Amino acid sequence: MQIAPGSQSGRAESDHELRGRSLRQGRGPLHSMFLHPADSRKAEAMAEHCCATMTSQVNWHCDHHDDPFVCPDALVFCSVRFHEYGLIIHDGGASSVRIDFCPWCGKRLPESQRDRWFDELERRGIDPWKDEVPAEFQDGRWFTTLPQA
């Protein structure tokens, strides 16, 4: 589940409800646009987190579950692609609720780069729904090669 950005109701939506909606609005098919849950170790690419507890939670590894969305002890999902953090919803799916502040230290988390990701692909003439998205846009590498705004 994911709370729609700008949503006043705060209603969470299931992954099924998200399919086919605009990812730019914070919604879209998880299989192609988000870091796959089983590969969440890529979150280590955003090596500097706000505090030791957040780092520990983002890098959580369970000996019994390969997928953090299945492990009841995994609490945080980190999308390196969009520089977003979310609290995992343990409802049997691969969903999370995006957060703007660290639940442990209270610091503001980095601003989402979701819109910038889409803008950069558009600038390059790439349609993420139709074209193959370059490998550097599958993780956080795209962000490190751009001039900082």
N, C-alpha and C. Protein backbone atom coordinates (compact mmCIF):
# COMPACT_ATOMS: atom_id res chain seq x y z
N MET A 1 0.83 -1.18 0.00
CA MET A 1 0.00 0.00 0.00
C MET A 1 0.87 1.23 0.00
N GLN A 2 0.34 2.26 -0.53
CA GLN A 2 1.10 3.49 -0.65
C GLN A 2 0.12 4.64 -0.54
N ILE A 3 0.49 5.66 0.23
CA ILE A 3 -0.36 6.83 0.33
C ILE A 3 -0.09 7.71 -0.87
N ALA A 4 -1.12 8.11 -1.54
CA ALA A 4 -0.95 8.96 -2.71
C ALA A 4 -0.45 10.33 -2.28
N PRO A 5 0.68 10.81 -2.88
CA PRO A 5 1.17 12.14 -2.54
C PRO A 5 0.08 13.17 -2.76
N GLY A 6 -0.06 14.08 -1.82
CA GLY A 6 -1.07 15.11 -1.91
C GLY A 6 -2.43 14.64 -1.47
N SER A 7 -2.53 13.38 -1.09
CA SER A 7 -3.82 12.85 -0.67
C SER A 7 -4.20 13.42 0.68
N GLN A 8 -5.39 13.95 0.76
CA GLN A 8 -5.88 14.48 2.02
C GLN A 8 -6.48 13.39 2.89
N SER A 9 -6.96 12.33 2.25
CA SER A 9 -7.63 11.28 3.01
C SER A 9 -6.64 10.38 3.73
N GLY A 10 -5.42 10.29 3.20
CA GLY A 10 -4.43 9.41 3.81
C GLY A 10 -4.74 7.95 3.53
N ARG A 11 -5.70 7.66 2.65
CA ARG A 11 -6.09 6.29 2.35
C ARG A 11 -4.95 5.58 1.63
N ALA A 12 -4.59 4.44 2.13
CA ALA A 12 -3.55 3.65 1.49
C ALA A 12 -4.17 2.84 0.37
N GLU A 13 -3.41 2.61 -0.68
CA GLU A 13 -3.90 1.84 -1.81
C GLU A 13 -3.05 0.59 -1.95
N SER A 14 -3.69 -0.49 -2.35
CA SER A 14 -2.97 -1.74 -2.54
C SER A 14 -2.16 -1.67 -3.83
N ASP A 15 -1.21 -2.61 -3.98
CA ASP A 15 -0.41 -2.68 -5.19
C ASP A 15 -1.29 -2.88 -6.40
N HIS A 16 -2.36 -3.68 -6.24
CA HIS A 16 -3.27 -3.92 -7.35
C HIS A 16 -3.92 -2.62 -7.82
N GLU A 17 -4.30 -1.75 -6.89
CA GLU A 17 -4.90 -0.47 -7.25
C GLU A 17 -3.89 0.46 -7.92
N LEU A 18 -2.60 0.26 -7.64
CA LEU A 18 -1.57 1.14 -8.17
C LEU A 18 -1.24 0.85 -9.62
N ARG A 19 -1.48 -0.37 -10.08
CA ARG A 19 -1.07 -0.75 -11.44
C ARG A 19 -1.77 0.13 -12.46
N GLY A 20 -0.96 0.59 -13.43
CA GLY A 20 -1.50 1.36 -14.51
C GLY A 20 -1.67 2.84 -14.22
N ARG A 21 -1.40 3.29 -13.01
CA ARG A 21 -1.51 4.71 -12.70
C ARG A 21 -0.16 5.38 -12.89
N SER A 22 -0.16 6.67 -12.92
CA SER A 22 1.06 7.42 -13.21
C SER A 22 2.04 7.32 -12.05
N LEU A 23 3.23 6.84 -12.34
CA LEU A 23 4.27 6.74 -11.32
C LEU A 23 4.73 8.12 -10.89
N ARG A 24 4.63 9.09 -11.78
CA ARG A 24 5.04 10.45 -11.43
C ARG A 24 4.20 10.94 -10.26
N GLN A 25 2.99 10.45 -10.13
CA GLN A 25 2.13 10.83 -9.03
C GLN A 25 2.33 9.93 -7.82
N GLY A 26 3.33 9.08 -7.88
CA GLY A 26 3.60 8.20 -6.75
C GLY A 26 2.91 6.87 -6.88
N ARG A 27 2.48 6.53 -8.08
CA ARG A 27 1.76 5.29 -8.28
C ARG A 27 2.28 4.63 -9.55
N GLY A 28 2.27 3.32 -9.59
CA GLY A 28 2.70 2.65 -10.81
C GLY A 28 3.04 1.21 -10.56
N PRO A 29 3.31 0.46 -11.62
CA PRO A 29 3.61 -0.96 -11.47
C PRO A 29 4.94 -1.16 -10.74
N LEU A 30 4.89 -1.89 -9.67
CA LEU A 30 6.09 -2.09 -8.84
C LEU A 30 7.16 -2.89 -9.56
N HIS A 31 6.77 -3.82 -10.42
CA HIS A 31 7.77 -4.70 -11.04
C HIS A 31 8.74 -3.96 -11.93
N SER A 32 8.37 -2.82 -12.48
CA SER A 32 9.28 -2.16 -13.42
C SER A 32 9.84 -0.84 -12.92
N MET A 33 9.22 -0.22 -11.95
CA MET A 33 9.63 1.12 -11.57
C MET A 33 10.31 1.24 -10.22
N PHE A 34 10.11 0.28 -9.36
CA PHE A 34 10.72 0.36 -8.04
C PHE A 34 11.84 -0.66 -7.91
N LEU A 35 12.73 -0.40 -7.01
CA LEU A 35 13.75 -1.38 -6.67
C LEU A 35 13.03 -2.63 -6.17
N HIS A 36 13.31 -3.77 -6.74
CA HIS A 36 12.62 -4.98 -6.34
C HIS A 36 12.92 -5.29 -4.88
N PRO A 37 11.89 -5.66 -4.10
CA PRO A 37 12.09 -5.91 -2.68
C PRO A 37 13.20 -6.90 -2.37
N ALA A 38 13.31 -7.95 -3.16
CA ALA A 38 14.33 -8.96 -2.90
C ALA A 38 15.73 -8.41 -3.15
N ASP A 39 15.85 -7.27 -3.82
CA ASP A 39 17.14 -6.68 -4.11
C ASP A 39 17.34 -5.39 -3.32
N SER A 40 16.74 -5.31 -2.14
CA SER A 40 16.79 -4.08 -1.35
C SER A 40 18.19 -3.77 -0.84
N ARG A 41 19.11 -4.71 -0.97
CA ARG A 41 20.48 -4.44 -0.53
C ARG A 41 21.09 -3.31 -1.35
N LYS A 42 20.51 -2.98 -2.50
CA LYS A 42 20.99 -1.85 -3.29
C LYS A 42 20.80 -0.55 -2.52
N ALA A 43 19.98 -0.58 -1.48
CA ALA A 43 19.78 0.62 -0.66
C ALA A 43 21.09 1.04 -0.01
N GLU A 44 22.02 0.12 0.06
CA GLU A 44 23.32 0.47 0.61
C GLU A 44 24.02 1.50 -0.26
N ALA A 45 23.57 1.65 -1.52
CA ALA A 45 24.13 2.66 -2.39
C ALA A 45 23.86 4.06 -1.84
N MET A 46 22.77 4.21 -1.10
CA MET A 46 22.49 5.46 -0.39
C MET A 46 23.10 5.26 1.00
N ALA A 47 24.39 5.11 1.04
CA ALA A 47 25.09 4.67 2.24
C ALA A 47 24.88 5.58 3.45
N GLU A 48 24.71 6.85 3.22
CA GLU A 48 24.57 7.76 4.34
C GLU A 48 23.10 7.99 4.64
N HIS A 49 22.66 7.40 5.73
CA HIS A 49 21.29 7.59 6.19
C HIS A 49 21.35 8.55 7.38
N CYS A 50 20.21 8.95 7.86
CA CYS A 50 20.14 10.01 8.87
C CYS A 50 20.69 9.61 10.24
N CYS A 51 20.62 8.32 10.57
CA CYS A 51 21.10 7.88 11.88
C CYS A 51 21.47 6.40 11.81
N ALA A 52 22.12 5.93 12.85
CA ALA A 52 22.56 4.53 12.88
C ALA A 52 21.38 3.57 12.86
N THR A 53 20.28 3.93 13.51
CA THR A 53 19.12 3.04 13.52
C THR A 53 18.51 2.93 12.14
N MET A 54 18.40 4.05 11.42
CA MET A 54 17.86 4.00 10.06
C MET A 54 18.78 3.16 9.18
N THR A 55 20.07 3.34 9.29
CA THR A 55 21.02 2.55 8.51
C THR A 55 20.83 1.07 8.80
N SER A 56 20.70 0.74 10.06
CA SER A 56 20.48 -0.65 10.47
C SER A 56 19.17 -1.20 9.89
N GLN A 57 18.11 -0.41 9.93
CA GLN A 57 16.82 -0.86 9.42
C GLN A 57 16.82 -1.01 7.90
N VAL A 58 17.41 -0.05 7.20
CA VAL A 58 17.46 -0.12 5.74
C VAL A 58 18.30 -1.31 5.28
N ASN A 59 19.36 -1.61 5.99
CA ASN A 59 20.26 -2.71 5.63
C ASN A 59 19.90 -4.02 6.31
N TRP A 60 18.71 -4.09 6.91
CA TRP A 60 18.28 -5.29 7.62
C TRP A 60 18.36 -6.51 6.72
N HIS A 61 18.93 -7.58 7.25
CA HIS A 61 19.00 -8.86 6.54
C HIS A 61 18.53 -9.95 7.48
N CYS A 62 17.61 -10.76 6.99
CA CYS A 62 17.06 -11.85 7.79
C CYS A 62 17.58 -13.18 7.26
N ASP A 63 17.95 -14.06 8.16
CA ASP A 63 18.45 -15.38 7.75
C ASP A 63 17.33 -16.30 7.26
N HIS A 64 16.07 -15.92 7.55
CA HIS A 64 14.94 -16.79 7.20
C HIS A 64 14.13 -16.28 6.01
N HIS A 65 14.26 -15.00 5.66
CA HIS A 65 13.46 -14.42 4.58
C HIS A 65 14.36 -13.63 3.63
N ASP A 66 14.28 -13.94 2.35
CA ASP A 66 15.04 -13.19 1.35
C ASP A 66 14.37 -11.87 1.01
N ASP A 67 13.07 -11.81 1.15
CA ASP A 67 12.27 -10.65 0.79
C ASP A 67 11.88 -9.86 2.04
N PRO A 68 12.29 -8.60 2.15
CA PRO A 68 11.96 -7.83 3.35
C PRO A 68 10.45 -7.62 3.53
N PHE A 69 9.66 -7.73 2.45
CA PHE A 69 8.22 -7.57 2.57
C PHE A 69 7.56 -8.79 3.18
N VAL A 70 8.30 -9.89 3.27
CA VAL A 70 7.80 -11.11 3.89
C VAL A 70 8.27 -11.20 5.34
N CYS A 71 9.42 -10.63 5.64
CA CYS A 71 10.01 -10.71 6.99
C CYS A 71 9.29 -9.75 7.95
N PRO A 72 8.71 -10.27 9.01
CA PRO A 72 8.00 -9.40 9.95
C PRO A 72 8.93 -8.45 10.72
N ASP A 73 10.22 -8.71 10.70
CA ASP A 73 11.17 -7.85 11.41
C ASP A 73 11.69 -6.70 10.54
N ALA A 74 11.45 -6.76 9.24
CA ALA A 74 11.88 -5.68 8.34
C ALA A 74 10.85 -4.56 8.43
N LEU A 75 11.31 -3.36 8.69
CA LEU A 75 10.40 -2.23 8.90
C LEU A 75 10.46 -1.17 7.81
N VAL A 76 11.64 -0.97 7.20
CA VAL A 76 11.84 0.16 6.29
C VAL A 76 12.24 -0.32 4.90
N PHE A 77 11.64 0.31 3.90
CA PHE A 77 12.00 0.10 2.50
C PHE A 77 12.65 1.38 2.00
N CYS A 78 13.74 1.24 1.27
CA CYS A 78 14.44 2.40 0.72
C CYS A 78 14.52 2.25 -0.80
N SER A 79 13.92 3.20 -1.52
CA SER A 79 14.01 3.22 -2.98
C SER A 79 15.17 4.10 -3.37
N VAL A 80 16.27 3.49 -3.80
CA VAL A 80 17.44 4.25 -4.19
C VAL A 80 17.16 5.03 -5.48
N ARG A 81 16.33 4.47 -6.30
CA ARG A 81 16.00 5.11 -7.57
C ARG A 81 15.39 6.49 -7.36
N PHE A 82 14.49 6.60 -6.41
CA PHE A 82 13.79 7.86 -6.17
C PHE A 82 14.25 8.58 -4.91
N HIS A 83 15.19 7.98 -4.18
CA HIS A 83 15.64 8.53 -2.90
C HIS A 83 14.46 8.71 -1.96
N GLU A 84 13.69 7.64 -1.79
CA GLU A 84 12.52 7.66 -0.92
C GLU A 84 12.61 6.55 0.11
N TYR A 85 12.03 6.81 1.26
CA TYR A 85 11.93 5.83 2.33
C TYR A 85 10.47 5.52 2.59
N GLY A 86 10.21 4.29 3.02
CA GLY A 86 8.83 3.93 3.35
C GLY A 86 8.80 2.90 4.45
N LEU A 87 7.69 2.91 5.20
CA LEU A 87 7.45 1.87 6.20
C LEU A 87 6.73 0.73 5.51
N ILE A 88 7.24 -0.48 5.68
CA ILE A 88 6.70 -1.66 5.02
C ILE A 88 5.35 -2.01 5.62
N ILE A 89 4.39 -2.27 4.74
CA ILE A 89 3.06 -2.75 5.15
C ILE A 89 3.10 -4.26 5.01
N HIS A 90 3.00 -4.95 6.12
CA HIS A 90 3.06 -6.42 6.10
C HIS A 90 1.65 -6.98 5.92
N ASP A 91 1.19 -6.94 4.67
CA ASP A 91 -0.15 -7.43 4.36
C ASP A 91 -0.11 -8.54 3.32
N GLY A 92 1.07 -9.09 3.09
CA GLY A 92 1.22 -10.15 2.11
C GLY A 92 1.66 -9.66 0.74
N GLY A 93 1.71 -8.34 0.55
CA GLY A 93 2.13 -7.77 -0.73
C GLY A 93 3.46 -7.07 -0.59
N ALA A 94 3.81 -6.30 -1.60
CA ALA A 94 5.06 -5.53 -1.60
C ALA A 94 4.70 -4.06 -1.58
N SER A 95 4.22 -3.58 -0.45
CA SER A 95 3.78 -2.20 -0.36
C SER A 95 4.39 -1.50 0.84
N SER A 96 4.46 -0.18 0.72
CA SER A 96 4.98 0.63 1.82
C SER A 96 4.31 1.99 1.80
N VAL A 97 4.43 2.69 2.92
CA VAL A 97 3.91 4.05 3.03
C VAL A 97 5.11 4.97 3.12
N ARG A 98 5.20 5.90 2.16
CA ARG A 98 6.35 6.81 2.12
C ARG A 98 6.37 7.69 3.36
N ILE A 99 7.58 7.92 3.88
CA ILE A 99 7.75 8.77 5.05
C ILE A 99 8.71 9.91 4.72
N ASP A 100 8.51 11.04 5.37
CA ASP A 100 9.35 12.22 5.15
C ASP A 100 10.30 12.49 6.30
N PHE A 101 10.06 11.85 7.45
CA PHE A 101 10.89 12.03 8.63
C PHE A 101 11.29 10.68 9.19
N CYS A 102 12.47 10.61 9.76
CA CYS A 102 12.95 9.37 10.37
C CYS A 102 12.14 9.07 11.62
N PRO A 103 11.63 7.86 11.74
CA PRO A 103 10.87 7.50 12.93
C PRO A 103 11.72 7.41 14.20
N TRP A 104 13.05 7.33 14.05
CA TRP A 104 13.91 7.16 15.21
C TRP A 104 14.58 8.46 15.66
N CYS A 105 15.13 9.22 14.74
CA CYS A 105 15.83 10.44 15.15
C CYS A 105 15.04 11.71 14.85
N GLY A 106 14.00 11.60 14.03
CA GLY A 106 13.15 12.74 13.72
C GLY A 106 13.66 13.66 12.62
N LYS A 107 14.83 13.36 12.08
CA LYS A 107 15.37 14.22 11.01
C LYS A 107 14.54 14.10 9.74
N ARG A 108 14.48 15.20 8.98
CA ARG A 108 13.82 15.17 7.68
C ARG A 108 14.64 14.29 6.75
N LEU A 109 13.97 13.43 6.03
CA LEU A 109 14.64 12.55 5.08
C LEU A 109 14.85 13.29 3.76
N PRO A 110 15.75 12.81 2.91
CA PRO A 110 16.02 13.51 1.65
C PRO A 110 14.75 13.70 0.83
N GLU A 111 14.71 14.80 0.10
CA GLU A 111 13.56 15.08 -0.75
C GLU A 111 13.49 14.03 -1.86
N SER A 112 12.28 13.57 -2.14
CA SER A 112 12.08 12.59 -3.20
C SER A 112 12.59 13.14 -4.53
N GLN A 113 13.21 12.27 -5.30
CA GLN A 113 13.72 12.63 -6.61
C GLN A 113 12.88 12.00 -7.73
N ARG A 114 11.67 11.57 -7.37
CA ARG A 114 10.77 10.91 -8.33
C ARG A 114 10.51 11.80 -9.56
N ASP A 115 10.11 13.05 -9.34
CA ASP A 115 9.82 13.94 -10.48
C ASP A 115 11.07 14.21 -11.30
N ARG A 116 12.19 14.37 -10.64
CA ARG A 116 13.45 14.63 -11.34
C ARG A 116 13.85 13.42 -12.19
N TRP A 117 13.58 12.21 -11.69
CA TRP A 117 13.86 10.98 -12.43
C TRP A 117 13.10 10.99 -13.75
N PHE A 118 11.79 11.28 -13.66
CA PHE A 118 10.97 11.35 -14.86
C PHE A 118 11.41 12.48 -15.78
N ASP A 119 11.72 13.64 -15.21
CA ASP A 119 12.16 14.78 -16.02
C ASP A 119 13.42 14.45 -16.81
N GLU A 120 14.36 13.77 -16.16
CA GLU A 120 15.62 13.43 -16.82
C GLU A 120 15.40 12.41 -17.93
N LEU A 121 14.55 11.43 -17.69
CA LEU A 121 14.24 10.47 -18.75
C LEU A 121 13.56 11.18 -19.92
N GLU A 122 12.63 12.07 -19.63
CA GLU A 122 11.95 12.81 -20.68
C GLU A 122 12.93 13.67 -21.47
N ARG A 123 13.86 14.33 -20.76
CA ARG A 123 14.87 15.15 -21.42
C ARG A 123 15.69 14.33 -22.41
N ARG A 124 15.90 13.06 -22.09
CA ARG A 124 16.68 12.18 -22.96
C ARG A 124 15.82 11.50 -24.02
N GLY A 125 14.52 11.81 -24.02
CA GLY A 125 13.62 11.21 -25.01
C GLY A 125 13.24 9.77 -24.70
N ILE A 126 13.30 9.38 -23.44
CA ILE A 126 12.99 8.02 -23.04
C ILE A 126 11.62 7.99 -22.36
N ASP A 127 10.74 7.13 -22.85
CA ASP A 127 9.43 6.92 -22.23
C ASP A 127 9.54 5.66 -21.37
N PRO A 128 9.50 5.79 -20.05
CA PRO A 128 9.71 4.62 -19.20
C PRO A 128 8.63 3.55 -19.33
N TRP A 129 7.50 3.89 -19.93
CA TRP A 129 6.43 2.92 -20.12
C TRP A 129 6.61 2.12 -21.41
N LYS A 130 7.36 2.69 -22.39
CA LYS A 130 7.51 2.03 -23.69
C LYS A 130 8.95 1.65 -24.01
N ASP A 131 9.89 2.48 -23.59
CA ASP A 131 11.30 2.27 -23.94
C ASP A 131 12.03 1.54 -22.82
N GLU A 132 13.17 0.98 -23.20
CA GLU A 132 14.03 0.35 -22.19
C GLU A 132 14.70 1.47 -21.38
N VAL A 133 14.58 1.35 -20.07
CA VAL A 133 15.17 2.35 -19.18
C VAL A 133 16.64 1.98 -18.96
N PRO A 134 17.57 2.92 -19.20
CA PRO A 134 19.00 2.62 -19.03
C PRO A 134 19.33 2.10 -17.63
N ALA A 135 20.34 1.28 -17.56
CA ALA A 135 20.72 0.63 -16.30
C ALA A 135 20.99 1.62 -15.18
N GLU A 136 21.61 2.77 -15.51
CA GLU A 136 21.91 3.73 -14.44
C GLU A 136 20.66 4.34 -13.82
N PHE A 137 19.51 4.20 -14.50
CA PHE A 137 18.25 4.70 -13.96
C PHE A 137 17.51 3.63 -13.16
N GLN A 138 18.06 2.44 -13.10
CA GLN A 138 17.46 1.37 -12.31
C GLN A 138 17.88 1.44 -10.85
N ASP A 139 18.88 2.23 -10.56
CA ASP A 139 19.35 2.39 -9.18
C ASP A 139 19.68 3.86 -8.97
N GLY A 140 20.53 4.18 -8.06
CA GLY A 140 20.82 5.57 -7.73
C GLY A 140 21.91 6.24 -8.55
N ARG A 141 22.52 5.51 -9.49
CA ARG A 141 23.61 6.10 -10.27
C ARG A 141 23.21 7.32 -11.07
N TRP A 142 22.00 7.35 -11.59
CA TRP A 142 21.55 8.48 -12.42
C TRP A 142 21.63 9.78 -11.65
N PHE A 143 21.33 9.74 -10.38
CA PHE A 143 21.28 10.95 -9.55
C PHE A 143 22.67 11.52 -9.31
N THR A 144 23.66 10.67 -9.19
CA THR A 144 25.01 11.12 -8.89
C THR A 144 25.71 11.73 -10.10
N THR A 145 25.19 11.49 -11.30
CA THR A 145 25.83 12.04 -12.50
C THR A 145 25.23 13.36 -12.95
N LEU A 146 24.16 13.81 -12.31
CA LEU A 146 23.51 15.07 -12.69
C LEU A 146 24.02 16.23 -11.86
N PRO A 147 24.00 17.43 -12.43
CA PRO A 147 24.34 18.60 -11.60
C PRO A 147 23.26 18.76 -10.53
N GLN A 148 23.68 19.03 -9.32
CA GLN A 148 22.72 19.17 -8.22
C GLN A 148 21.97 20.49 -8.33
N ALA A 149 20.65 20.39 -8.14
CA ALA A 149 19.80 21.59 -8.26
C ALA A 149 19.93 22.47 -7.05
